[in-house]
């Protein structure tokens, strides 16, 4: 949880960028991330220098060929001089750091410095200095970037947009990733699923007496003290994998994971639907909210696909099936059209999920969940690869804890989410035969008879409340009685 001072500084940072003409939130966050990256490199350098003084062990400075490229060296320059120095010297230096597979090359690939004025640069660096990010604990560092990302209220040109944090947390809780598992998001965007999966594993491996609760009732201070050294090393270095075709999103993902304590994130820029990505069954867990619209050129499609289509929402579902290990689990957000579409491709992907997997759940979400980005109705599919489906658990989610209009005003921040988590985890003990209830189970044979439709409306029974209407003669008598009262009142007024 951020205190009011840190929130105020982040709001000031946004205000400075907007007032200086950088009104595109993605571009603004990208430029802010560059500055935070520069600050982080200098902070790391200072920490290494202090360790050298204590241990006496030598180290090679990252800035040995360009000492004045360090944040602490140029941060006190006059505004115009600083702008020239960062744009013409520091930025080219950072782009050339490390080998082709280093964090620096992945982060700075195709980077463009777009801060227009020295005034904005000096104001922005001053605000970032004032956040004292180096001195903050990991929870606060992560929250700083999460709060920064909360201003992303626009979707990308291919339909990608930031998934609400509470929806991500619900999906992670339902899928329950564990220590030692490999976790992937093949359309990772800002890496929200990976960050929350990481925190979920840490939380479940932290002693209860270490966990704290903030003023909003949210737990934090996940130390992962129950993890062995090897388990912790695996979690940080070999557990989390993300891919995105948009380099801006890759940069944001890298910064998000770094701010949450993962020093060398496994995030790559690639189109996972294309032939450039090998769809091998490497992952135990897949969590994703892939783009809802767009298509891909048939010539670029990977040979791994068996369903003939260029619709990305269908291709991503088959991709997720392909990259899961046998017994691997997936939770994915899909547009409602995927659940009931009549095309051959729509039916084929639903048949694959039902017959080649155990389709564990279909959660129907209200259309306002993704406002103001989009008003499309969505659902969540949860499936396990390689096990047969017998019954599918449906849940009709009516509220998510926020208003369902463009304002998305906080109500309680929970809505049906606690009930969904509880009912899903206890579904084997629940009576799931009542089709009028909010959740129920449907056998596979019935779904087959309905053309493999996964729309909850095909199976839910609507209970209509009978309304008793008065007879016409009774209504007429009441009208006459009312008229008489009005006439009497008018006569009394004349007197």
Protein backbone atom coordinates (compact mmCIF):
# COMPACT_ATOMS: atom_id res chain seq x y z
CA UNK A 1 0.00 0.00 0.00
CA UNK A 2 1.37 3.42 -0.96
CA UNK A 3 1.22 6.36 1.38
CA UNK A 4 -0.36 9.62 0.25
CA UNK A 5 3.04 11.26 -0.35
CA UNK A 6 4.16 8.62 -2.86
CA UNK A 7 0.78 8.68 -4.62
CA UNK A 8 1.02 12.46 -4.82
CA UNK A 9 4.48 12.24 -6.42
CA UNK A 10 3.29 9.72 -9.02
CA UNK A 11 0.30 11.96 -9.81
CA UNK A 12 2.68 14.90 -10.17
CA UNK A 13 4.79 12.86 -12.58
CA UNK A 14 1.74 12.13 -14.74
CA UNK A 15 0.70 15.78 -14.64
CA UNK A 16 4.15 16.92 -15.80
CA UNK A 17 4.10 14.56 -18.78
CA UNK A 18 0.53 15.44 -19.78
CA UNK A 19 1.11 19.18 -19.49
CA UNK A 20 4.26 18.82 -21.61
CA UNK A 21 2.32 17.31 -24.49
CA UNK A 22 2.87 13.57 -23.93
CA UNK A 23 -0.78 12.63 -23.68
CA UNK A 24 -0.56 9.00 -24.84
CA UNK A 25 -0.43 6.99 -21.57
CA UNK A 26 1.62 4.17 -23.10
CA UNK A 27 4.24 6.58 -24.39
CA UNK A 28 4.30 8.45 -21.08
CA UNK A 29 4.81 5.26 -19.06
CA UNK A 30 7.50 4.13 -21.49
CA UNK A 31 9.45 7.37 -21.00
CA UNK A 32 8.98 7.25 -17.22
CA UNK A 33 10.22 3.65 -17.28
CA UNK A 34 13.41 4.71 -19.10
CA UNK A 35 14.14 7.19 -16.32
CA UNK A 36 13.42 4.61 -13.61
CA UNK A 37 15.69 2.15 -15.44
CA UNK A 38 18.52 4.70 -15.48
CA UNK A 39 17.98 5.41 -11.79
CA UNK A 40 17.96 1.70 -10.99
CA UNK A 41 21.25 1.09 -12.81
CA UNK A 42 22.92 3.84 -10.80
CA UNK A 43 21.41 2.58 -7.53
CA UNK A 44 22.75 -0.91 -8.29
CA UNK A 45 26.16 0.57 -9.06
CA UNK A 46 26.23 2.44 -5.73
CA UNK A 47 25.27 -0.77 -3.87
CA UNK A 48 28.09 -2.69 -5.60
CA UNK A 49 30.59 0.04 -4.70
CA UNK A 50 29.59 -0.19 -1.04
CA UNK A 51 29.94 -3.99 -1.11
CA UNK A 52 33.42 -3.61 -2.58
CA UNK A 53 34.42 -1.34 0.28
CA UNK A 54 33.27 -3.98 2.76
CA UNK A 55 34.52 -7.13 1.00
CA UNK A 56 37.53 -5.80 -0.89
CA UNK A 57 36.52 -7.84 -3.94
CA UNK A 58 36.98 -6.05 -7.27
CA UNK A 59 34.12 -5.45 -9.68
CA UNK A 60 33.89 -4.04 -13.19
CA UNK A 61 31.73 -0.94 -13.37
CA UNK A 62 28.91 -0.92 -15.89
CA UNK A 63 29.84 2.69 -16.58
CA UNK A 64 33.62 2.20 -16.90
CA UNK A 65 33.61 3.53 -20.48
CA UNK A 66 31.19 6.36 -19.76
CA UNK A 67 31.22 7.47 -16.10
CA UNK A 68 29.19 10.59 -16.86
CA UNK A 69 26.32 8.39 -18.09
CA UNK A 70 25.40 7.59 -14.49
CA UNK A 71 22.24 9.18 -13.13
CA UNK A 72 24.13 10.71 -10.21
CA UNK A 73 26.58 12.38 -12.63
CA UNK A 74 24.15 14.14 -14.95
CA UNK A 75 21.15 14.64 -12.67
CA UNK A 76 22.33 18.04 -11.41
CA UNK A 77 23.00 19.56 -14.84
CA UNK A 78 21.09 22.58 -16.09
CA UNK A 79 17.87 21.54 -17.85
CA UNK A 80 18.90 22.12 -21.49
CA UNK A 81 22.36 20.65 -20.90
CA UNK A 82 20.78 17.62 -19.21
CA UNK A 83 18.40 17.06 -22.13
CA UNK A 84 21.24 17.14 -24.68
CA UNK A 85 23.43 14.88 -22.55
CA UNK A 86 20.77 12.23 -21.87
CA UNK A 87 19.42 12.21 -25.42
CA UNK A 88 22.76 12.28 -27.27
CA UNK A 89 25.08 10.38 -24.91
CA UNK A 90 23.34 8.45 -22.12
CA UNK A 91 20.61 6.92 -24.27
CA UNK A 92 22.94 5.66 -27.05
CA UNK A 93 25.26 4.27 -24.34
CA UNK A 94 22.43 2.30 -22.70
CA UNK A 95 21.25 0.90 -26.04
CA UNK A 96 24.71 -0.61 -26.62
CA UNK A 97 25.15 -2.12 -23.15
CA UNK A 98 25.64 -5.87 -22.81
CA UNK A 99 25.34 -8.66 -25.38
CA UNK A 100 22.32 -9.41 -27.54
CA UNK A 101 20.59 -11.50 -24.87
CA UNK A 102 21.30 -9.24 -21.89
CA UNK A 103 18.64 -7.46 -19.87
CA UNK A 104 19.98 -4.13 -21.16
CA UNK A 105 19.60 -5.09 -24.82
CA UNK A 106 16.11 -6.51 -24.26
CA UNK A 107 15.01 -3.43 -22.35
CA UNK A 108 16.55 -0.82 -24.66
CA UNK A 109 15.83 -2.54 -27.98
CA UNK A 110 14.41 0.05 -30.42
CA UNK A 111 14.15 2.55 -27.55
CA UNK A 112 13.39 6.13 -28.55
CA UNK A 113 13.93 9.02 -26.17
CA UNK A 114 10.89 11.27 -26.60
CA UNK A 115 11.02 13.66 -23.63
CA UNK A 116 10.63 16.99 -25.49
CA UNK A 117 12.07 19.59 -23.11
CA UNK A 118 14.81 19.98 -20.55
CA UNK A 119 12.25 21.37 -18.13
CA UNK A 120 10.19 18.14 -18.21
CA UNK A 121 13.35 16.05 -17.83
CA UNK A 122 14.59 17.96 -14.76
CA UNK A 123 11.13 17.98 -13.18
CA UNK A 124 10.66 14.24 -13.81
CA UNK A 125 14.09 13.26 -12.45
CA UNK A 126 13.49 15.43 -9.39
CA UNK A 127 10.18 13.69 -8.66
CA UNK A 128 11.73 10.23 -9.15
CA UNK A 129 14.58 11.18 -6.82
CA UNK A 130 11.98 12.28 -4.28
CA UNK A 131 10.34 8.85 -4.33
CA UNK A 132 13.52 7.34 -2.79
CA UNK A 133 12.79 4.12 -4.68
CA UNK A 134 16.11 2.57 -3.65
CA UNK A 135 15.18 2.85 0.03
CA UNK A 136 11.69 1.34 -0.39
CA UNK A 137 10.96 -2.32 0.35
CA UNK A 138 9.94 -4.65 -2.49
CA UNK A 139 6.22 -4.35 -1.73
CA UNK A 140 6.38 -0.57 -2.04
CA UNK A 141 8.58 -0.65 -5.16
CA UNK A 142 6.06 -2.93 -6.82
CA UNK A 143 3.13 -0.82 -5.67
CA UNK A 144 4.79 2.31 -7.09
CA UNK A 145 4.82 0.80 -10.56
CA UNK A 146 1.35 -0.73 -10.17
CA UNK A 147 -0.01 2.69 -9.24
CA UNK A 148 1.80 4.18 -12.23
CA UNK A 149 0.19 1.56 -14.48
CA UNK A 150 -3.27 2.26 -13.05
CA UNK A 151 -3.42 5.33 -15.29
CA UNK A 152 -3.43 3.09 -18.39
CA UNK A 153 -7.00 3.73 -19.49
CA UNK A 154 -6.62 3.21 -23.21
CA UNK A 155 -6.43 0.04 -25.27
CA UNK A 156 -3.73 -0.73 -27.79
CA UNK A 157 -4.35 -0.75 -31.51
CA UNK A 158 -4.71 -4.55 -31.54
CA UNK A 159 -7.23 -4.70 -28.72
CA UNK A 160 -4.81 -5.32 -25.85
CA UNK A 161 -5.54 -3.54 -22.59
CA UNK A 162 -4.67 -3.83 -18.95
CA UNK A 163 -6.59 -6.48 -17.03
CA UNK A 164 -8.07 -5.18 -13.75
CA UNK A 165 -5.86 -6.27 -10.86
CA UNK A 166 -8.68 -7.86 -8.84
CA UNK A 167 -9.68 -10.02 -11.84
CA UNK A 168 -6.06 -11.16 -12.23
CA UNK A 169 -5.86 -11.99 -8.53
CA UNK A 170 -9.07 -14.02 -8.75
CA UNK A 171 -7.78 -16.04 -11.72
CA UNK A 172 -4.43 -16.68 -10.02
CA UNK A 173 -6.21 -17.80 -6.85
CA UNK A 174 -8.42 -20.18 -8.85
CA UNK A 175 -5.48 -21.71 -10.73
CA UNK A 176 -3.24 -21.78 -7.63
CA UNK A 177 0.30 -21.85 -9.16
CA UNK A 178 2.86 -23.55 -6.94
CA UNK A 179 6.56 -23.41 -6.22
CA UNK A 180 8.55 -25.36 -8.82
CA UNK A 181 6.02 -24.80 -11.61
CA UNK A 182 6.78 -22.95 -14.83
CA UNK A 183 4.29 -20.17 -15.55
CA UNK A 184 3.70 -18.43 -18.87
CA UNK A 185 1.68 -15.55 -20.28
CA UNK A 186 1.96 -15.68 -24.11
CA UNK A 187 0.46 -12.17 -24.48
CA UNK A 188 1.82 -10.65 -21.30
CA UNK A 189 1.12 -6.93 -21.77
CA UNK A 190 2.23 -5.29 -18.52
CA UNK A 191 3.03 -8.69 -16.88
CA UNK A 192 0.21 -8.40 -14.35
CA UNK A 193 -0.48 -12.16 -14.37
CA UNK A 194 3.20 -13.03 -13.87
CA UNK A 195 3.61 -10.53 -11.02
CA UNK A 196 0.52 -11.83 -9.23
CA UNK A 197 1.49 -15.48 -9.75
CA UNK A 198 4.89 -14.67 -8.21
CA UNK A 199 3.25 -12.94 -5.24
CA UNK A 200 0.75 -15.80 -4.83
CA UNK A 201 3.57 -18.35 -4.52
CA UNK A 202 5.45 -16.12 -2.09
CA UNK A 203 2.30 -15.60 0.02
CA UNK A 204 1.57 -19.33 0.21
CA UNK A 205 5.14 -19.94 1.36
CA UNK A 206 5.32 -17.17 3.97
CA UNK A 207 4.80 -17.82 7.69
CA UNK A 208 1.48 -16.38 8.86
CA UNK A 209 3.11 -14.28 11.58
CA UNK A 210 5.14 -12.41 8.92
CA UNK A 211 2.16 -11.43 6.76
CA UNK A 212 0.81 -7.93 7.40
CA UNK A 213 -2.51 -6.33 6.48
CA UNK A 214 -2.71 -2.78 5.07
CA UNK A 215 -5.40 -0.19 5.79
CA UNK A 216 -7.52 -1.50 2.90
CA UNK A 217 -7.48 -5.06 4.24
CA UNK A 218 -4.96 -6.38 1.68
CA UNK A 219 -2.18 -8.75 2.83
CA UNK A 220 1.47 -7.91 2.08
CA UNK A 221 5.03 -8.55 3.25
CA UNK A 222 5.35 -11.91 1.51
CA UNK A 223 8.85 -13.12 2.39
CA UNK A 224 8.66 -16.69 1.08
CA UNK A 225 10.56 -17.85 4.17
CA UNK A 226 9.27 -21.42 3.77
CA UNK A 227 10.99 -21.76 0.37
CA UNK A 228 14.40 -23.41 0.24
CA UNK A 229 17.28 -21.52 -1.35
CA UNK A 230 16.95 -23.60 -4.54
CA UNK A 231 13.18 -23.10 -4.66
CA UNK A 232 13.60 -19.34 -4.29
CA UNK A 233 16.27 -19.30 -6.99
CA UNK A 234 13.99 -21.27 -9.34
CA UNK A 235 11.06 -18.93 -8.66
CA UNK A 236 13.09 -15.83 -9.46
CA UNK A 237 15.05 -17.18 -12.44
CA UNK A 238 13.26 -20.10 -14.10
CA UNK A 239 9.58 -19.93 -13.21
CA UNK A 240 8.09 -16.89 -14.97
CA UNK A 241 7.97 -16.42 -18.77
CA UNK A 242 6.24 -13.71 -20.77
CA UNK A 243 5.95 -12.87 -24.45
CA UNK A 244 4.50 -9.91 -26.30
CA UNK A 245 4.82 -8.69 -29.88
CA UNK A 246 4.81 -5.02 -28.78
CA UNK A 247 8.24 -3.78 -27.66
CA UNK A 248 6.66 -1.04 -25.53
CA UNK A 249 4.75 -3.70 -23.59
CA UNK A 250 7.94 -5.76 -23.24
CA UNK A 251 9.70 -2.77 -21.67
CA UNK A 252 6.78 -2.15 -19.29
CA UNK A 253 6.71 -5.86 -18.35
CA UNK A 254 10.43 -5.92 -17.66
CA UNK A 255 10.22 -2.84 -15.44
CA UNK A 256 7.15 -4.20 -13.60
CA UNK A 257 8.90 -7.47 -12.76
CA UNK A 258 12.15 -5.72 -11.82
CA UNK A 259 10.27 -3.40 -9.47
CA UNK A 260 8.79 -6.50 -7.83
CA UNK A 261 12.24 -7.94 -7.14
CA UNK A 262 12.95 -10.13 -10.19
CA UNK A 263 16.32 -8.89 -11.39
CA UNK A 264 16.49 -10.70 -14.76
CA UNK A 265 12.95 -11.37 -16.03
CA UNK A 266 12.33 -13.85 -18.84
CA UNK A 267 10.33 -11.53 -21.11
CA UNK A 268 10.78 -11.67 -24.87
CA UNK A 269 9.44 -9.71 -27.80
CA UNK A 270 7.84 -12.19 -30.15
CA UNK A 271 4.49 -12.94 -31.73
CA UNK A 272 3.63 -16.28 -30.15
CA UNK A 273 1.16 -17.01 -32.96
CA UNK A 274 3.82 -16.78 -35.65
CA UNK A 275 6.24 -19.39 -36.95
CA UNK A 276 9.05 -17.57 -35.09
CA UNK A 277 7.78 -19.04 -31.81
CA UNK A 278 8.17 -22.74 -31.07
CA UNK A 279 4.97 -24.02 -29.43
CA UNK A 280 6.56 -26.72 -27.28
CA UNK A 281 4.76 -28.09 -24.23
CA UNK A 282 7.01 -26.41 -21.66
CA UNK A 283 4.67 -24.86 -19.11
CA UNK A 284 2.76 -26.10 -16.08
CA UNK A 285 0.57 -23.00 -15.80
CA UNK A 286 -0.72 -20.51 -18.38
CA UNK A 287 -2.48 -17.29 -17.35
CA UNK A 288 -3.54 -14.80 -20.00
CA UNK A 289 -5.86 -12.15 -21.35
CA UNK A 290 -4.92 -12.19 -25.05
CA UNK A 291 -6.06 -9.47 -27.50
CA UNK A 292 -9.77 -9.68 -28.27
CA UNK A 293 -9.58 -8.46 -31.83
CA UNK A 294 -7.28 -8.59 -34.78
CA UNK A 295 -6.07 -11.27 -37.11
CA UNK A 296 -2.78 -12.60 -38.37
CA UNK A 297 -1.55 -13.17 -41.91
CA UNK A 298 -1.93 -16.85 -42.83
CA UNK A 299 1.62 -16.88 -44.20
CA UNK A 300 2.99 -15.95 -40.77
CA UNK A 301 1.02 -18.56 -38.82
CA UNK A 302 2.87 -21.28 -36.97
CA UNK A 303 2.64 -24.81 -38.36
CA UNK A 304 1.56 -26.04 -34.92
CA UNK A 305 -2.05 -24.89 -35.40
CA UNK A 306 -4.63 -27.48 -36.42
CA UNK A 307 -7.63 -25.11 -36.49
CA UNK A 308 -7.81 -23.10 -39.71
CA UNK A 309 -8.58 -19.47 -38.84
CA UNK A 310 -6.90 -16.08 -38.60
CA UNK A 311 -8.95 -14.96 -35.57
CA UNK A 312 -6.44 -14.34 -32.80
CA UNK A 313 -8.81 -15.13 -29.91
CA UNK A 314 -9.23 -18.69 -31.24
CA UNK A 315 -5.56 -19.13 -32.17
CA UNK A 316 -4.44 -18.05 -28.70
CA UNK A 317 -6.63 -20.74 -27.12
CA UNK A 318 -5.05 -23.47 -29.26
CA UNK A 319 -1.62 -21.97 -28.55
CA UNK A 320 -2.24 -22.23 -24.80
CA UNK A 321 -3.28 -25.85 -25.20
CA UNK A 322 -0.11 -26.53 -27.20
CA UNK A 323 2.36 -24.97 -24.74
CA UNK A 324 0.94 -26.71 -21.65
CA UNK A 325 2.50 -29.88 -20.34
CA UNK A 326 0.17 -32.86 -19.87
CA UNK A 327 -1.71 -32.05 -16.66
CA UNK A 328 -0.90 -28.34 -17.09
CA UNK A 329 -3.56 -25.79 -16.14
CA UNK A 330 -4.79 -22.66 -17.89
CA UNK A 331 -7.00 -19.70 -16.94
CA UNK A 332 -7.77 -17.35 -19.82
CA UNK A 333 -10.14 -14.47 -20.52
CA UNK A 334 -12.10 -14.75 -23.77
CA UNK A 335 -14.78 -12.64 -25.47
CA UNK A 336 -18.26 -14.14 -25.13
CA UNK A 337 -18.33 -14.83 -28.87
CA UNK A 338 -15.81 -17.61 -28.38
CA UNK A 339 -18.29 -19.37 -26.08
CA UNK A 340 -21.13 -19.58 -28.61
CA UNK A 341 -19.77 -18.63 -32.07
CA UNK A 342 -21.16 -20.74 -34.92
CA UNK A 343 -18.15 -20.84 -37.21
CA UNK A 344 -16.26 -24.10 -37.74
CA UNK A 345 -13.22 -22.64 -35.97
CA UNK A 346 -15.28 -21.62 -32.92
CA UNK A 347 -16.81 -25.08 -32.61
CA UNK A 348 -13.45 -26.79 -33.16
CA UNK A 349 -11.69 -24.94 -30.35
CA UNK A 350 -14.55 -25.63 -27.93
CA UNK A 351 -14.51 -29.31 -28.91
CA UNK A 352 -10.75 -29.45 -28.27
CA UNK A 353 -11.12 -27.87 -24.83
CA UNK A 354 -13.93 -30.27 -23.91
CA UNK A 355 -12.55 -33.51 -25.37
CA UNK A 356 -8.76 -33.11 -25.20
CA UNK A 357 -8.87 -31.29 -21.87
CA UNK A 358 -10.85 -31.24 -18.67
CA UNK A 359 -12.76 -28.00 -18.97
CA UNK A 360 -13.03 -27.13 -15.28
CA UNK A 361 -14.95 -23.85 -15.35
CA UNK A 362 -16.72 -21.23 -17.44
CA UNK A 363 -17.18 -17.97 -15.56
CA UNK A 364 -19.41 -15.46 -17.32
CA UNK A 365 -18.47 -11.85 -16.46
CA UNK A 366 -20.64 -8.72 -16.87
CA UNK A 367 -19.87 -6.43 -19.81
CA UNK A 368 -18.67 -3.49 -17.68
CA UNK A 369 -15.64 -5.28 -16.20
CA UNK A 370 -13.27 -3.90 -18.85
CA UNK A 371 -14.66 -0.39 -19.09
CA UNK A 372 -13.49 2.23 -19.97
CA UNK A 373 -11.24 0.21 -22.34
CA UNK A 374 -14.05 -1.82 -23.87
CA UNK A 375 -17.64 -2.79 -23.20
CA UNK A 376 -17.39 -6.32 -24.61
CA UNK A 377 -18.86 -9.17 -22.57
CA UNK A 378 -16.23 -11.66 -21.49
CA UNK A 379 -15.79 -14.99 -19.81
CA UNK A 380 -13.03 -16.93 -18.07
CA UNK A 381 -12.16 -20.47 -19.13
CA UNK A 382 -10.22 -22.78 -16.81
CA UNK A 383 -8.97 -26.07 -18.23
CA UNK A 384 -6.48 -28.88 -17.57
CA UNK A 385 -4.70 -30.47 -20.52
CA UNK A 386 -4.96 -34.20 -21.17
CA UNK A 387 -7.77 -35.13 -18.80
CA UNK A 388 -11.36 -35.90 -19.90
CA UNK A 389 -14.26 -33.55 -19.19
CA UNK A 390 -17.22 -35.03 -17.37
CA UNK A 391 -19.01 -31.93 -16.08
CA UNK A 392 -18.39 -28.22 -16.62
CA UNK A 393 -18.83 -25.80 -13.70
CA UNK A 394 -20.62 -22.58 -14.73
CA UNK A 395 -20.80 -19.38 -12.68
CA UNK A 396 -22.86 -16.32 -13.59
CA UNK A 397 -20.83 -13.42 -12.20
CA UNK A 398 -23.07 -10.39 -11.70
CA UNK A 399 -20.75 -7.99 -9.85
CA UNK A 400 -16.99 -7.53 -9.43
CA UNK A 401 -17.00 -4.92 -6.67
CA UNK A 402 -16.99 -1.83 -8.92
CA UNK A 403 -19.70 0.02 -10.81
CA UNK A 404 -20.12 -1.35 -14.33
CA UNK A 405 -20.15 2.04 -16.06
CA UNK A 406 -17.19 3.96 -17.51
CA UNK A 407 -16.33 5.44 -14.11
CA UNK A 408 -15.81 2.00 -12.47
CA UNK A 409 -16.45 3.48 -9.03
CA UNK A 410 -15.33 1.36 -6.08
CA UNK A 411 -18.23 -0.39 -4.31
CA UNK A 412 -16.48 -3.01 -2.18
CA UNK A 413 -13.74 -4.19 -4.57
CA UNK A 414 -14.97 -7.77 -4.28
CA UNK A 415 -18.49 -8.34 -5.59
CA UNK A 416 -18.98 -12.05 -6.37
CA UNK A 417 -15.23 -12.81 -6.35
CA UNK A 418 -14.98 -14.33 -2.84
CA UNK A 419 -18.04 -16.50 -3.59
CA UNK A 420 -16.54 -17.62 -6.92
CA UNK A 421 -13.28 -18.67 -5.27
CA UNK A 422 -15.02 -20.49 -2.41
CA UNK A 423 -17.57 -22.26 -4.61
CA UNK A 424 -14.95 -23.27 -7.20
CA UNK A 425 -12.61 -24.77 -4.60
CA UNK A 426 -15.50 -26.66 -2.97
CA UNK A 427 -17.38 -27.59 -6.13
CA UNK A 428 -16.99 -31.32 -5.49
CA UNK A 429 -18.91 -30.93 -2.25
CA UNK A 430 -21.55 -28.55 -3.61
CA UNK A 431 -25.00 -29.44 -4.91
CA UNK A 432 -24.68 -28.25 -8.49
CA UNK A 433 -27.97 -29.49 -9.95
CA UNK A 434 -30.04 -26.32 -9.44
CA UNK A 435 -29.92 -24.50 -12.79
CA UNK A 436 -31.59 -21.46 -11.22
CA UNK A 437 -28.62 -20.91 -8.90
CA UNK A 438 -25.67 -18.62 -9.65
CA UNK A 439 -23.43 -21.65 -10.22
CA UNK A 440 -24.20 -25.16 -11.44
CA UNK A 441 -22.67 -28.06 -13.37
CA UNK A 442 -23.55 -29.27 -16.86
CA UNK A 443 -22.57 -32.77 -18.12
CA UNK A 444 -20.46 -33.07 -21.26
CA UNK A 445 -23.16 -34.96 -23.21
CA UNK A 446 -25.61 -32.07 -22.80
CA UNK A 447 -22.99 -29.59 -24.00
CA UNK A 448 -22.33 -31.76 -27.06
CA UNK A 449 -26.05 -31.76 -27.83
CA UNK A 450 -25.94 -27.96 -27.74
CA UNK A 451 -23.28 -27.82 -30.48
CA UNK A 452 -20.51 -27.52 -27.86
CA UNK A 453 -21.90 -24.15 -26.78
CA UNK A 454 -20.38 -22.77 -23.57
CA UNK A 455 -22.80 -19.87 -23.21
CA UNK A 456 -24.36 -19.98 -19.76
CA UNK A 457 -27.68 -18.81 -21.20
CA UNK A 458 -28.05 -22.18 -22.93
CA UNK A 459 -28.18 -23.97 -19.59
CA UNK A 460 -29.34 -21.56 -16.89
CA UNK A 461 -33.01 -21.61 -15.95
CA UNK A 462 -34.50 -18.16 -15.44
CA UNK A 463 -36.97 -17.93 -12.61
CA UNK A 464 -39.71 -15.45 -13.45
CA UNK A 465 -41.61 -13.80 -10.65
CA UNK A 466 -45.35 -13.85 -11.17
CA UNK A 467 -47.06 -10.50 -10.92
CA UNK A 468 -50.75 -10.43 -10.06
CA UNK A 469 -52.61 -7.73 -11.96
CA UNK A 470 -55.93 -6.31 -10.71
CA UNK A 471 -59.03 -6.87 -12.77
CA UNK A 472 -60.02 -4.02 -15.15
CA UNK A 473 -63.25 -3.29 -13.23
CA UNK A 474 -61.27 -2.86 -9.98
CA UNK A 475 -58.85 -0.44 -11.65
CA UNK A 476 -61.81 1.50 -13.16
CA UNK A 477 -63.48 1.79 -9.73
CA UNK A 478 -60.27 3.14 -8.19
CA UNK A 479 -59.94 5.75 -10.96
CA UNK A 480 -63.55 6.91 -10.40
CA UNK A 481 -62.93 7.13 -6.64
CA UNK A 482 -59.81 9.23 -7.28
CA UNK A 483 -61.70 11.55 -9.64
CA UNK A 484 -64.41 12.12 -7.00
CA UNK A 485 -61.76 13.08 -4.42
CA UNK A 486 -60.15 15.55 -6.83
CA UNK A 487 -63.51 17.19 -7.64
CA UNK A 488 -64.37 17.45 -3.94
CA UNK A 489 -60.99 19.06 -3.17
CA UNK A 490 -61.48 21.59 -5.97
CA UNK A 491 -64.92 22.52 -4.61
CA UNK A 492 -63.50 22.96 -1.12
CA UNK A 493 -60.88 25.35 -2.53
CA UNK A 494 -63.63 27.47 -4.18
CA UNK A 495 -65.37 27.89 -0.82
